[in-house]
Amino acid sequence: MKMASFVGERDGRQFEITVDIGQPYQWGTDPEEWACQVALRGLHENLPDVHGLDAFQAFCLAARFVLTLLA
């Protein structure tokens, strides 16, 4: 799910950053482990999925992770 696009700047060059946070999904066979895919296209490639104890926590942690990387 595309959340937002931003313009970043590095070494005087501008580039597009696209933030994607996926829909939470149950991880493996444990009913108490959920995950969200995260992508910051243009800034960080191949980010790991973010895990939480339920769908809401996984999504919140994914959003916080994105904000931390953008900061």
Protein backbone atom coordinates (compact mmCIF):
# COMPACT_ATOMS: atom_id res chain seq x y z
CA MET A 1 0.00 0.00 0.00
CA LYS A 2 1.59 3.29 -1.10
CA MET A 3 1.46 5.69 1.81
CA ALA A 4 3.25 8.82 0.60
CA SER A 5 5.92 10.25 -1.66
CA PHE A 6 8.54 12.80 -0.68
CA VAL A 7 11.42 14.61 -2.32
CA GLY A 8 14.76 14.00 -0.66
CA GLU A 9 18.06 15.73 -1.27
CA ARG A 10 21.56 14.32 -1.08
CA ASP A 11 24.75 15.99 -2.31
CA GLY A 12 22.71 18.75 -3.96
CA ARG A 13 20.64 16.25 -5.97
CA GLN A 14 16.92 15.78 -5.47
CA PHE A 15 15.30 12.34 -5.62
CA GLU A 16 11.91 10.81 -4.93
CA ILE A 17 11.26 8.72 -1.82
CA THR A 18 8.16 6.54 -1.80
CA VAL A 19 6.94 5.13 1.51
CA ASP A 20 5.08 1.82 1.44
CA ILE A 21 3.70 0.02 4.49
CA GLY A 22 1.98 -3.26 3.75
CA GLN A 23 -1.15 -4.66 5.31
CA PRO A 24 -0.36 -6.61 8.50
CA TYR A 25 -0.24 -10.38 8.07
CA GLN A 26 0.03 -13.28 10.50
CA TRP A 27 3.58 -14.59 10.63
CA GLY A 28 4.13 -18.35 10.61
CA THR A 29 2.01 -20.55 12.85
CA ASP A 30 2.15 -18.38 15.99
CA PRO A 31 -1.20 -16.55 16.36
CA GLU A 32 0.56 -13.86 18.40
CA GLU A 33 3.10 -12.81 15.78
CA TRP A 34 2.21 -10.44 12.98
CA ALA A 35 4.32 -8.52 10.48
CA CYS A 36 4.16 -5.64 8.00
CA GLN A 37 6.26 -5.16 4.89
CA VAL A 38 8.04 -1.80 4.74
CA ALA A 39 9.71 -0.05 1.82
CA LEU A 40 11.40 3.33 1.40
CA ARG A 41 12.00 3.30 -2.32
CA GLY A 42 14.75 5.67 -3.33
CA LEU A 43 16.31 5.79 0.14
CA HIS A 44 16.63 2.28 1.61
CA GLU A 45 16.30 -0.95 -0.33
CA ASN A 46 15.47 -4.42 1.03
CA LEU A 47 14.15 -3.46 4.47
CA PRO A 48 13.10 -6.29 6.78
CA ASP A 49 9.46 -6.84 7.68
CA VAL A 50 8.50 -5.33 11.04
CA HIS A 51 7.00 -7.74 13.60
CA GLY A 52 4.55 -7.23 16.46
CA LEU A 53 2.28 -9.17 18.81
CA ASP A 54 -0.87 -8.30 16.83
CA ALA A 55 -1.81 -6.57 13.58
CA PHE A 56 -2.16 -3.12 15.15
CA GLN A 57 1.21 -3.28 16.91
CA ALA A 58 2.94 -4.51 13.76
CA PHE A 59 1.49 -1.59 11.78
CA CYS A 60 2.38 0.98 14.47
CA LEU A 61 5.94 -0.34 14.74
CA ALA A 62 6.28 -0.26 10.95
CA ALA A 63 5.14 3.39 10.88
CA ARG A 64 7.58 4.28 13.66
CA PHE A 65 10.41 2.48 11.83
CA VAL A 66 9.69 4.53 8.69
CA LEU A 67 9.64 7.79 10.65
CA THR A 68 12.95 6.90 12.32
CA LEU A 69 14.59 6.18 8.95
CA LEU A 70 13.25 9.41 7.47
CA ALA A 71 14.57 11.44 10.41
